[in-house]
Amino acid sequence: MKLHINGQQVDVPDTIRTVVELLAHFDLSDKMLVVEHNAAILHKEDHAGAELAEGHKIEIVHFVGGG
């Protein structure tokens, strides 16, 4: 399946159906990031229910701490 992730077209396995599975595929924890799915910012509790399909647009933004 082809997704647009952070502005680039990326092929991901067809077995990936949700944002949670996508993050796991890339070994990402949702602790310090925000996910935008087709121009809608997702709350962490919505990641499991956010289904992916061919051509969907995903933005993953990592937070960096400092002080």
C-alpha atoms as a PDB file:
ATOM      1  CA  MET A   1       0.000   0.000   0.000  1.00  0.00           C
ATOM      2  CA  LYS A   2       1.270   3.472  -0.834  1.00  0.00           C
ATOM      3  CA  LEU A   3       0.933   6.192   1.803  1.00  0.00           C
ATOM      4  CA  HIS A   4       2.197   9.754   1.815  1.00  0.00           C
ATOM      5  CA  ILE A   5       4.255  10.049   4.996  1.00  0.00           C
ATOM      6  CA  ASN A   6       5.766  13.434   5.826  1.00  0.00           C
ATOM      7  CA  GLY A   7       5.412  14.503   2.207  1.00  0.00           C
ATOM      8  CA  GLN A   8       6.997  11.414   0.638  1.00  0.00           C
ATOM      9  CA  GLN A   9       5.303   8.460  -0.989  1.00  0.00           C
ATOM     10  CA  VAL A  10       6.159   5.328   0.992  1.00  0.00           C
ATOM     11  CA  ASP A  11       5.295   1.681   0.323  1.00  0.00           C
ATOM     12  CA  VAL A  12       4.160  -0.130   3.458  1.00  0.00           C
ATOM     13  CA  PRO A  13       2.986  -3.741   3.800  1.00  0.00           C
ATOM     14  CA  ASP A  14      -0.717  -4.268   3.082  1.00  0.00           C
ATOM     15  CA  THR A  15      -1.047  -5.870   6.515  1.00  0.00           C
ATOM     16  CA  ILE A  16      -0.709  -2.433   8.139  1.00  0.00           C
ATOM     17  CA  ARG A  17      -4.249  -1.173   8.658  1.00  0.00           C
ATOM     18  CA  THR A  18      -4.071   1.378  11.502  1.00  0.00           C
ATOM     19  CA  VAL A  19      -1.875   4.213  12.712  1.00  0.00           C
ATOM     20  CA  VAL A  20      -0.786   2.059  15.689  1.00  0.00           C
ATOM     21  CA  GLU A  21       0.445  -0.638  13.306  1.00  0.00           C
ATOM     22  CA  LEU A  22       2.205   1.969  11.145  1.00  0.00           C
ATOM     23  CA  LEU A  23       4.057   3.407  14.138  1.00  0.00           C
ATOM     24  CA  ALA A  24       5.055  -0.106  15.268  1.00  0.00           C
ATOM     25  CA  HIS A  25       6.295  -0.903  11.750  1.00  0.00           C
ATOM     26  CA  PHE A  26       8.702   2.050  11.984  1.00  0.00           C
ATOM     27  CA  ASP A  27       9.593   1.290  15.639  1.00  0.00           C
ATOM     28  CA  LEU A  28       8.093   4.582  16.829  1.00  0.00           C
ATOM     29  CA  SER A  29       6.557   5.184  20.234  1.00  0.00           C
ATOM     30  CA  ASP A  30       3.631   7.579  20.443  1.00  0.00           C
ATOM     31  CA  LYS A  31       4.979   9.047  23.686  1.00  0.00           C
ATOM     32  CA  MET A  32       6.723  12.049  22.102  1.00  0.00           C
ATOM     33  CA  LEU A  33       4.992  12.527  18.771  1.00  0.00           C
ATOM     34  CA  VAL A  34       1.828  13.772  17.131  1.00  0.00           C
ATOM     35  CA  VAL A  35       0.167  12.119  14.153  1.00  0.00           C
ATOM     36  CA  GLU A  36      -1.885  13.933  11.540  1.00  0.00           C
ATOM     37  CA  HIS A  37      -4.065  11.677   9.382  1.00  0.00           C
ATOM     38  CA  ASN A  38      -5.536  13.279   6.251  1.00  0.00           C
ATOM     39  CA  ALA A  39      -5.233  16.796   7.749  1.00  0.00           C
ATOM     40  CA  ALA A  40      -6.807  15.808  11.102  1.00  0.00           C
ATOM     41  CA  ILE A  41      -4.648  15.697  14.226  1.00  0.00           C
ATOM     42  CA  LEU A  42      -5.266  12.451  16.108  1.00  0.00           C
ATOM     43  CA  HIS A  43      -5.452  12.056  19.857  1.00  0.00           C
ATOM     44  CA  LYS A  44      -3.316   9.150  21.061  1.00  0.00           C
ATOM     45  CA  GLU A  45      -6.389   7.168  22.079  1.00  0.00           C
ATOM     46  CA  ASP A  46      -7.622   7.395  18.455  1.00  0.00           C
ATOM     47  CA  HIS A  47      -4.491   5.860  16.861  1.00  0.00           C
ATOM     48  CA  ALA A  48      -5.820   2.291  17.104  1.00  0.00           C
ATOM     49  CA  GLY A  49      -9.080   3.183  15.366  1.00  0.00           C
ATOM     50  CA  ALA A  50      -7.573   5.335  12.613  1.00  0.00           C
ATOM     51  CA  GLU A  51      -7.714   3.040   9.596  1.00  0.00           C
ATOM     52  CA  LEU A  52      -5.306   3.529   6.716  1.00  0.00           C
ATOM     53  CA  ALA A  53      -5.959   3.122   3.002  1.00  0.00           C
ATOM     54  CA  GLU A  54      -4.080   3.637  -0.252  1.00  0.00           C
ATOM     55  CA  GLY A  55      -3.077   7.272  -0.747  1.00  0.00           C
ATOM     56  CA  HIS A  56      -3.760   8.484   2.787  1.00  0.00           C
ATOM     57  CA  LYS A  57      -1.596  11.350   3.999  1.00  0.00           C
ATOM     58  CA  ILE A  58       0.220  10.951   7.310  1.00  0.00           C
ATOM     59  CA  GLU A  59       2.386  13.518   9.060  1.00  0.00           C
ATOM     60  CA  ILE A  60       4.441  12.363  12.047  1.00  0.00           C
ATOM     61  CA  VAL A  61       5.925  15.136  14.180  1.00  0.00           C
ATOM     62  CA  HIS A  62       8.470  14.329  16.893  1.00  0.00           C
ATOM     63  CA  PHE A  63       8.883  16.548  19.932  1.00  0.00           C
ATOM     64  CA  VAL A  64      12.340  17.334  21.232  1.00  0.00           C
ATOM     65  CA  GLY A  65      12.745  18.264  24.878  1.00  0.00           C
ATOM     66  CA  GLY A  66      15.207  20.738  26.180  1.00  0.00           C
ATOM     67  CA  GLY A  67      15.718  23.138  28.926  1.00  0.00           C
END
